[in-house]
Amino acid sequence: GLTLAQILGKGFMVEILVVLMVAFAYFHFDLGSAETGKDTKIDGIPFADTISMAGSSMQFSGGGTRFKFGVAKVYALALYVDTRAAASALKPYAGVKASKLQKDESFYGKIVNGRFPRSMLLTFHRTVDADAIANALRDALSKKLPAKVVSDFQAALGKVTGNSIAVGSTLSFTCAGDVLSIGTGEKAPATAKLSQKQVCPALFSVWLGKPPVSPQAKDGIAAGFSQRMYQAS
């Protein structure tokens, strides 16, 4: 998993003030404007309202921040969904209050197991060692997938990340059917692909399953969906 040194970098000191502020700002999700073309900020990191990935137009559906040790912000996470392709699976949840949706595992299950195009974008708050991220995902996926599939996933991820992931960089995980595309954000083409049954549900369950690596991000996705998706015009 990620170590404190890998996340914070050499010589970085976490001030006492940060620890105190986390109690009040452990999760900050500003839905911002739902107007097309306007960015939504998650802990200060902007995410576009819509993106184009894997040949699909996808809409922002909430997110949150991945913390380590309760104080260190690792990355901001945002879910994007092809709303047209996902309508039959997700439209029944339109209009459900966020507080209710956050407790409904069937809602998250529709996203995790969906065949429709969807993307997770991770934008990093600080430079981290690529192996630390790869190993953390490996550990999570090892509980869900055969060793060979996990190894293939790590190899595909390594083609994209190199040795380190710089502050401000974005990793994108886009699924459509059984195909996982890994890239460096919505403005860059996928640089690695993996076609393995169950790899997409296993990966998305890291953030949307039980337990999620970031409960705040999981709740934020439900809140974003409730507030923005399939709204009556």
C-alpha atoms as a PDB file:
ATOM      1  CA  GLY A   1       0.000   0.000   0.000  1.00  0.00           C
ATOM      2  CA  LEU A   2       0.919   3.658  -0.025  1.00  0.00           C
ATOM      3  CA  THR A   3       3.376   4.762   2.665  1.00  0.00           C
ATOM      4  CA  LEU A   4       3.327   8.176   4.255  1.00  0.00           C
ATOM      5  CA  ALA A   5       6.760   8.974   2.794  1.00  0.00           C
ATOM      6  CA  GLN A   6       5.612   8.098  -0.713  1.00  0.00           C
ATOM      7  CA  ILE A   7       2.527  10.291  -0.426  1.00  0.00           C
ATOM      8  CA  LEU A   8       3.992  13.315   1.314  1.00  0.00           C
ATOM      9  CA  GLY A   9       7.447  13.306  -0.308  1.00  0.00           C
ATOM     10  CA  LYS A  10      10.763  13.802   1.396  1.00  0.00           C
ATOM     11  CA  GLY A  11      10.978  16.641   3.835  1.00  0.00           C
ATOM     12  CA  PHE A  12       7.247  17.351   3.783  1.00  0.00           C
ATOM     13  CA  MET A  13       5.760  18.033   7.228  1.00  0.00           C
ATOM     14  CA  VAL A  14       2.045  17.863   7.965  1.00  0.00           C
ATOM     15  CA  GLU A  15       1.229  20.827  10.178  1.00  0.00           C
ATOM     16  CA  ILE A  16      -0.986  20.475  13.209  1.00  0.00           C
ATOM     17  CA  LEU A  17      -3.387  22.925  11.601  1.00  0.00           C
ATOM     18  CA  VAL A  18      -4.021  20.467   8.788  1.00  0.00           C
ATOM     19  CA  VAL A  19      -4.919  17.745  11.245  1.00  0.00           C
ATOM     20  CA  LEU A  20      -7.426  20.024  12.943  1.00  0.00           C
ATOM     21  CA  MET A  21      -8.906  21.186   9.651  1.00  0.00           C
ATOM     22  CA  VAL A  22      -9.438  17.634   8.463  1.00  0.00           C
ATOM     23  CA  ALA A  23     -12.046  17.158  11.177  1.00  0.00           C
ATOM     24  CA  PHE A  24     -14.083  19.875   9.459  1.00  0.00           C
ATOM     25  CA  ALA A  25     -13.001  19.452   5.851  1.00  0.00           C
ATOM     26  CA  TYR A  26     -12.253  15.752   5.548  1.00  0.00           C
ATOM     27  CA  PHE A  27     -14.524  15.675   2.559  1.00  0.00           C
ATOM     28  CA  HIS A  28     -15.133  18.712   0.377  1.00  0.00           C
ATOM     29  CA  PHE A  29     -17.241  18.302  -2.718  1.00  0.00           C
ATOM     30  CA  ASP A  30     -18.429  21.466  -4.440  1.00  0.00           C
ATOM     31  CA  LEU A  31     -21.046  20.495  -6.995  1.00  0.00           C
ATOM     32  CA  GLY A  32     -20.631  23.891  -8.619  1.00  0.00           C
ATOM     33  CA  SER A  33     -22.644  24.718 -11.702  1.00  0.00           C
ATOM     34  CA  ALA A  34     -24.490  21.998 -13.587  1.00  0.00           C
ATOM     35  CA  GLU A  35     -24.337  24.106 -16.711  1.00  0.00           C
ATOM     36  CA  THR A  36     -22.601  22.328 -19.575  1.00  0.00           C
ATOM     37  CA  GLY A  37     -19.028  23.501 -19.991  1.00  0.00           C
ATOM     38  CA  LYS A  38     -18.608  24.594 -16.392  1.00  0.00           C
ATOM     39  CA  ASP A  39     -16.055  22.856 -14.218  1.00  0.00           C
ATOM     40  CA  THR A  40     -16.907  21.214 -10.929  1.00  0.00           C
ATOM     41  CA  LYS A  41     -14.229  21.353  -8.255  1.00  0.00           C
ATOM     42  CA  ILE A  42     -13.413  18.547  -5.853  1.00  0.00           C
ATOM     43  CA  ASP A  43     -11.078  19.832  -3.148  1.00  0.00           C
ATOM     44  CA  GLY A  44      -9.905  22.544  -5.519  1.00  0.00           C
ATOM     45  CA  ILE A  45      -9.296  20.265  -8.518  1.00  0.00           C
ATOM     46  CA  PRO A  46     -11.533  21.080 -11.496  1.00  0.00           C
ATOM     47  CA  PHE A  47     -13.412  18.411 -13.436  1.00  0.00           C
ATOM     48  CA  ALA A  48     -15.262  19.112 -16.670  1.00  0.00           C
ATOM     49  CA  ASP A  49     -19.032  18.737 -16.776  1.00  0.00           C
ATOM     50  CA  THR A  50     -18.767  16.454 -19.809  1.00  0.00           C
ATOM     51  CA  ILE A  51     -15.915  14.521 -21.395  1.00  0.00           C
ATOM     52  CA  SER A  52     -15.440  12.306 -24.433  1.00  0.00           C
ATOM     53  CA  MET A  53     -13.875   8.911 -23.736  1.00  0.00           C
ATOM     54  CA  ALA A  54     -13.819   5.675 -25.734  1.00  0.00           C
ATOM     55  CA  GLY A  55     -16.036   7.253 -28.370  1.00  0.00           C
ATOM     56  CA  SER A  56     -18.725   8.177 -25.834  1.00  0.00           C
ATOM     57  CA  SER A  57     -19.876  11.482 -24.396  1.00  0.00           C
ATOM     58  CA  MET A  58     -19.923  11.140 -20.615  1.00  0.00           C
ATOM     59  CA  GLN A  59     -21.394  13.310 -17.882  1.00  0.00           C
ATOM     60  CA  PHE A  60     -19.857  14.094 -14.519  1.00  0.00           C
ATOM     61  CA  SER A  61     -21.663  12.202 -11.752  1.00  0.00           C
ATOM     62  CA  GLY A  62     -19.927  13.226  -8.562  1.00  0.00           C
ATOM     63  CA  GLY A  63     -16.801  12.219  -6.723  1.00  0.00           C
ATOM     64  CA  GLY A  64     -14.601  12.958  -3.740  1.00  0.00           C
ATOM     65  CA  THR A  65     -11.088  12.774  -2.323  1.00  0.00           C
ATOM     66  CA  ARG A  66      -8.931   9.764  -1.533  1.00  0.00           C
ATOM     67  CA  PHE A  67      -7.138  10.375   1.763  1.00  0.00           C
ATOM     68  CA  LYS A  68      -4.357   8.380   3.360  1.00  0.00           C
ATOM     69  CA  PHE A  69      -3.801   8.353   7.117  1.00  0.00           C
ATOM     70  CA  GLY A  70      -6.736  10.739   7.424  1.00  0.00           C
ATOM     71  CA  VAL A  71      -4.675  13.817   6.529  1.00  0.00           C
ATOM     72  CA  ALA A  72      -2.863  13.363   3.230  1.00  0.00           C
ATOM     73  CA  LYS A  73      -4.836  14.039   0.070  1.00  0.00           C
ATOM     74  CA  VAL A  74      -3.750  11.523  -2.552  1.00  0.00           C
ATOM     75  CA  TYR A  75      -6.103  12.200  -5.447  1.00  0.00           C
ATOM     76  CA  ALA A  76      -9.498  13.599  -6.346  1.00  0.00           C
ATOM     77  CA  LEU A  77     -11.781  11.036  -7.940  1.00  0.00           C
ATOM     78  CA  ALA A  78     -14.647  11.687 -10.379  1.00  0.00           C
ATOM     79  CA  LEU A  79     -17.105   9.319 -12.043  1.00  0.00           C
ATOM     80  CA  TYR A  80     -18.335   9.941 -15.582  1.00  0.00           C
ATOM     81  CA  VAL A  81     -21.173   8.014 -17.213  1.00  0.00           C
ATOM     82  CA  ASP A  82     -22.596   7.748 -20.721  1.00  0.00           C
ATOM     83  CA  THR A  83     -26.079   8.734 -19.600  1.00  0.00           C
ATOM     84  CA  ARG A  84     -27.793   7.677 -22.808  1.00  0.00           C
ATOM     85  CA  ALA A  85     -26.310   4.177 -22.760  1.00  0.00           C
ATOM     86  CA  ALA A  86     -26.859   3.871 -18.992  1.00  0.00           C
ATOM     87  CA  ALA A  87     -30.469   5.098 -18.973  1.00  0.00           C
ATOM     88  CA  SER A  88     -32.139   1.701 -18.591  1.00  0.00           C
ATOM     89  CA  ALA A  89     -29.893   0.838 -15.637  1.00  0.00           C
ATOM     90  CA  LEU A  90     -29.637   4.188 -13.847  1.00  0.00           C
ATOM     91  CA  LYS A  91     -32.675   6.282 -14.754  1.00  0.00           C
ATOM     92  CA  PRO A  92     -34.851   4.452 -12.193  1.00  0.00           C
ATOM     93  CA  TYR A  93     -32.694   6.116  -9.504  1.00  0.00           C
ATOM     94  CA  ALA A  94     -33.338   9.631 -10.817  1.00  0.00           C
ATOM     95  CA  GLY A  95     -34.843  11.928  -8.221  1.00  0.00           C
ATOM     96  CA  VAL A  96     -33.877   9.763  -5.249  1.00  0.00           C
ATOM     97  CA  LYS A  97     -32.502  11.876  -2.405  1.00  0.00           C
ATOM     98  CA  ALA A  98     -28.762  11.696  -1.926  1.00  0.00           C
ATOM     99  CA  SER A  99     -29.060  10.516   1.684  1.00  0.00           C
ATOM    100  CA  LYS A 100     -31.145   7.542   0.557  1.00  0.00           C
ATOM    101  CA  LEU A 101     -29.066   6.792  -2.536  1.00  0.00           C
ATOM    102  CA  GLN A 102     -25.872   6.714  -0.468  1.00  0.00           C
ATOM    103  CA  LYS A 103     -27.265   3.742   1.460  1.00  0.00           C
ATOM    104  CA  ASP A 104     -28.528   1.876  -1.601  1.00  0.00           C
ATOM    105  CA  GLU A 105     -25.939  -0.710  -2.643  1.00  0.00           C
ATOM    106  CA  SER A 106     -28.079  -1.706  -5.626  1.00  0.00           C
ATOM    107  CA  PHE A 107     -27.428   1.750  -7.127  1.00  0.00           C
ATOM    108  CA  TYR A 108     -23.666   1.343  -6.842  1.00  0.00           C
ATOM    109  CA  GLY A 109     -23.975  -2.203  -8.148  1.00  0.00           C
ATOM    110  CA  LYS A 110     -25.558  -0.939 -11.360  1.00  0.00           C
ATOM    111  CA  ILE A 111     -22.497   1.234 -11.978  1.00  0.00           C
ATOM    112  CA  VAL A 112     -19.991  -1.432 -10.964  1.00  0.00           C
ATOM    113  CA  ASN A 113     -21.544  -4.166 -13.114  1.00  0.00           C
ATOM    114  CA  GLY A 114     -22.878  -2.018 -15.940  1.00  0.00           C
ATOM    115  CA  ARG A 115     -22.043  -2.752 -19.566  1.00  0.00           C
ATOM    116  CA  PHE A 116     -22.410   0.905 -20.498  1.00  0.00           C
ATOM    117  CA  PRO A 117     -19.368   3.202 -20.963  1.00  0.00           C
ATOM    118  CA  ARG A 118     -18.160   4.810 -17.754  1.00  0.00           C
ATOM    119  CA  SER A 119     -14.928   6.370 -16.551  1.00  0.00           C
ATOM    120  CA  MET A 120     -13.136   7.021 -13.289  1.00  0.00           C
ATOM    121  CA  LEU A 121     -10.760   9.986 -13.422  1.00  0.00           C
ATOM    122  CA  LEU A 122      -8.106  10.338 -10.725  1.00  0.00           C
ATOM    123  CA  THR A 123      -6.272  13.674 -10.530  1.00  0.00           C
ATOM    124  CA  PHE A 124      -3.382  13.727  -8.076  1.00  0.00           C
ATOM    125  CA  HIS A 125      -2.842  16.258  -5.310  1.00  0.00           C
ATOM    126  CA  ARG A 126       0.856  15.412  -5.064  1.00  0.00           C
ATOM    127  CA  THR A 127       3.551  13.468  -6.849  1.00  0.00           C
ATOM    128  CA  VAL A 128       3.469   9.794  -5.873  1.00  0.00           C
ATOM    129  CA  ASP A 129       5.491   6.739  -6.733  1.00  0.00           C
ATOM    130  CA  ALA A 130       3.716   4.835  -9.514  1.00  0.00           C
ATOM    131  CA  ASP A 131       4.506   1.520  -7.825  1.00  0.00           C
ATOM    132  CA  ALA A 132       2.690   2.656  -4.707  1.00  0.00           C
ATOM    133  CA  ILE A 133      -0.533   3.233  -6.663  1.00  0.00           C
ATOM    134  CA  ALA A 134      -0.076   0.039  -8.681  1.00  0.00           C
ATOM    135  CA  ASN A 135       0.542  -2.022  -5.554  1.00  0.00           C
ATOM    136  CA  ALA A 136      -2.448  -0.526  -3.744  1.00  0.00           C
ATOM    137  CA  LEU A 137      -4.717  -1.409  -6.675  1.00  0.00           C
ATOM    138  CA  ARG A 138      -3.074  -4.823  -6.967  1.00  0.00           C
ATOM    139  CA  ASP A 139      -3.818  -5.563  -3.317  1.00  0.00           C
ATOM    140  CA  ALA A 140      -7.452  -4.518  -3.752  1.00  0.00           C
ATOM    141  CA  LEU A 141      -7.931  -6.470  -6.987  1.00  0.00           C
ATOM    142  CA  SER A 142      -6.170  -9.590  -5.694  1.00  0.00           C
ATOM    143  CA  LYS A 143      -9.197 -10.229  -3.509  1.00  0.00           C
ATOM    144  CA  LYS A 144     -11.487 -10.163  -6.539  1.00  0.00           C
ATOM    145  CA  LEU A 145      -9.570 -11.506  -9.555  1.00  0.00           C
ATOM    146  CA  PRO A 146      -7.237 -14.386 -10.520  1.00  0.00           C
ATOM    147  CA  ALA A 147      -3.523 -13.655 -10.128  1.00  0.00           C
ATOM    148  CA  LYS A 148      -2.910 -13.721 -13.903  1.00  0.00           C
ATOM    149  CA  VAL A 149      -5.555 -11.049 -14.524  1.00  0.00           C
ATOM    150  CA  VAL A 150      -4.153  -8.864 -11.747  1.00  0.00           C
ATOM    151  CA  SER A 151      -0.678  -9.225 -13.244  1.00  0.00           C
ATOM    152  CA  ASP A 152      -1.998  -8.215 -16.675  1.00  0.00           C
ATOM    153  CA  PHE A 153      -3.679  -5.187 -15.108  1.00  0.00           C
ATOM    154  CA  GLN A 154      -0.449  -4.104 -13.417  1.00  0.00           C
ATOM    155  CA  ALA A 155       1.458  -4.432 -16.678  1.00  0.00           C
ATOM    156  CA  ALA A 156      -1.127  -2.317 -18.522  1.00  0.00           C
ATOM    157  CA  LEU A 157      -1.100   0.320 -15.791  1.00  0.00           C
ATOM    158  CA  GLY A 158       2.706   0.428 -15.836  1.00  0.00           C
ATOM    159  CA  LYS A 159       2.674   1.328 -19.539  1.00  0.00           C
ATOM    160  CA  VAL A 160       0.736   4.463 -18.662  1.00  0.00           C
ATOM    161  CA  THR A 161       2.273   5.648 -15.394  1.00  0.00           C
ATOM    162  CA  GLY A 162       6.004   5.116 -15.830  1.00  0.00           C
ATOM    163  CA  ASN A 163       8.005   5.523 -12.619  1.00  0.00           C
ATOM    164  CA  SER A 164       5.974   8.277 -10.961  1.00  0.00           C
ATOM    165  CA  ILE A 165       2.717  10.168 -11.199  1.00  0.00           C
ATOM    166  CA  ALA A 166       3.260  13.915 -11.061  1.00  0.00           C
ATOM    167  CA  VAL A 167       1.175  16.366  -9.082  1.00  0.00           C
ATOM    168  CA  GLY A 168      -1.756  17.519 -11.212  1.00  0.00           C
ATOM    169  CA  SER A 169      -1.596  14.433 -13.439  1.00  0.00           C
ATOM    170  CA  THR A 170      -4.734  12.483 -14.285  1.00  0.00           C
ATOM    171  CA  LEU A 171      -5.253   8.761 -14.671  1.00  0.00           C
ATOM    172  CA  SER A 172      -8.378   7.574 -16.444  1.00  0.00           C
ATOM    173  CA  PHE A 173      -9.962   4.141 -16.208  1.00  0.00           C
ATOM    174  CA  THR A 174     -12.660   3.735 -18.850  1.00  0.00           C
ATOM    175  CA  CYS A 175     -14.827   0.654 -19.201  1.00  0.00           C
ATOM    176  CA  ALA A 176     -17.188  -0.388 -21.983  1.00  0.00           C
ATOM    177  CA  GLY A 177     -18.345  -3.962 -21.878  1.00  0.00           C
ATOM    178  CA  ASP A 178     -15.367  -6.116 -20.913  1.00  0.00           C
ATOM    179  CA  VAL A 179     -12.747  -3.678 -22.240  1.00  0.00           C
ATOM    180  CA  LEU A 180     -10.770  -1.505 -19.822  1.00  0.00           C
ATOM    181  CA  SER A 181      -8.863   1.437 -21.296  1.00  0.00           C
ATOM    182  CA  ILE A 182      -6.243   3.179 -19.177  1.00  0.00           C
ATOM    183  CA  GLY A 183      -5.026   6.645 -20.087  1.00  0.00           C
ATOM    184  CA  THR A 184      -3.895   9.988 -18.774  1.00  0.00           C
ATOM    185  CA  GLY A 185      -7.139  11.923 -18.798  1.00  0.00           C
ATOM    186  CA  GLU A 186      -9.990  13.001 -20.998  1.00  0.00           C
ATOM    187  CA  LYS A 187      -7.792  14.911 -23.455  1.00  0.00           C
ATOM    188  CA  ALA A 188      -5.431  12.014 -24.157  1.00  0.00           C
ATOM    189  CA  PRO A 189      -6.122   8.718 -25.921  1.00  0.00           C
ATOM    190  CA  ALA A 190      -5.954   5.457 -23.997  1.00  0.00           C
ATOM    191  CA  THR A 191      -2.402   4.148 -23.952  1.00  0.00           C
ATOM    192  CA  ALA A 192      -3.196   0.666 -22.628  1.00  0.00           C
ATOM    193  CA  LYS A 193      -6.151  -1.672 -22.995  1.00  0.00           C
ATOM    194  CA  LEU A 194      -7.127  -4.848 -21.217  1.00  0.00           C
ATOM    195  CA  SER A 195      -9.941  -7.127 -22.277  1.00  0.00           C
ATOM    196  CA  GLN A 196     -10.683  -9.493 -19.416  1.00  0.00           C
ATOM    197  CA  LYS A 197     -14.054 -10.527 -18.086  1.00  0.00           C
ATOM    198  CA  GLN A 198     -14.761  -9.126 -14.617  1.00  0.00           C
ATOM    199  CA  VAL A 199     -11.786  -6.736 -14.574  1.00  0.00           C
ATOM    200  CA  CYS A 200     -14.077  -3.710 -14.961  1.00  0.00           C
ATOM    201  CA  PRO A 201     -16.503  -4.653 -12.166  1.00  0.00           C
ATOM    202  CA  ALA A 202     -13.585  -5.538  -9.903  1.00  0.00           C
ATOM    203  CA  LEU A 203     -11.852  -2.208 -10.548  1.00  0.00           C
ATOM    204  CA  PHE A 204     -14.939  -0.050 -10.094  1.00  0.00           C
ATOM    205  CA  SER A 205     -15.817  -1.921  -6.912  1.00  0.00           C
ATOM    206  CA  VAL A 206     -12.555  -0.641  -5.409  1.00  0.00           C
ATOM    207  CA  TRP A 207     -14.267   2.755  -5.166  1.00  0.00           C
ATOM    208  CA  LEU A 208     -17.945   1.777  -5.167  1.00  0.00           C
ATOM    209  CA  GLY A 209     -17.999  -1.592  -3.403  1.00  0.00           C
ATOM    210  CA  LYS A 210     -17.908  -2.537   0.270  1.00  0.00           C
ATOM    211  CA  PRO A 211     -15.727  -1.329   1.791  1.00  0.00           C
ATOM    212  CA  PRO A 212     -14.683   1.455  -0.601  1.00  0.00           C
ATOM    213  CA  VAL A 213     -11.182   2.933  -0.435  1.00  0.00           C
ATOM    214  CA  SER A 214     -12.823   6.334  -0.012  1.00  0.00           C
ATOM    215  CA  PRO A 215     -16.264   6.412   1.629  1.00  0.00           C
ATOM    216  CA  GLN A 216     -16.382  10.162   0.972  1.00  0.00           C
ATOM    217  CA  ALA A 217     -15.957   9.693  -2.777  1.00  0.00           C
ATOM    218  CA  LYS A 218     -18.557   6.930  -2.825  1.00  0.00           C
ATOM    219  CA  ASP A 219     -21.047   9.193  -1.038  1.00  0.00           C
ATOM    220  CA  GLY A 220     -20.094  12.067  -3.342  1.00  0.00           C
ATOM    221  CA  ILE A 221     -20.916  10.027  -6.428  1.00  0.00           C
ATOM    222  CA  ALA A 222     -24.393   9.293  -5.091  1.00  0.00           C
ATOM    223  CA  ALA A 223     -24.847  12.970  -4.182  1.00  0.00           C
ATOM    224  CA  GLY A 224     -23.697  14.098  -7.632  1.00  0.00           C
ATOM    225  CA  PHE A 225     -25.998  11.641  -9.357  1.00  0.00           C
ATOM    226  CA  SER A 226     -28.953  12.757  -7.251  1.00  0.00           C
ATOM    227  CA  GLN A 227     -28.322  16.411  -7.983  1.00  0.00           C
ATOM    228  CA  ARG A 228     -27.314  16.281 -11.651  1.00  0.00           C
ATOM    229  CA  MET A 229     -28.283  13.145 -13.542  1.00  0.00           C
ATOM    230  CA  TYR A 230     -31.477  12.632 -15.541  1.00  0.00           C
ATOM    231  CA  GLN A 231     -32.964  15.889 -14.334  1.00  0.00           C
ATOM    232  CA  ALA A 232     -36.187  16.989 -15.970  1.00  0.00           C
ATOM    233  CA  SER A 233     -35.572  19.763 -18.486  1.00  0.00           C
END
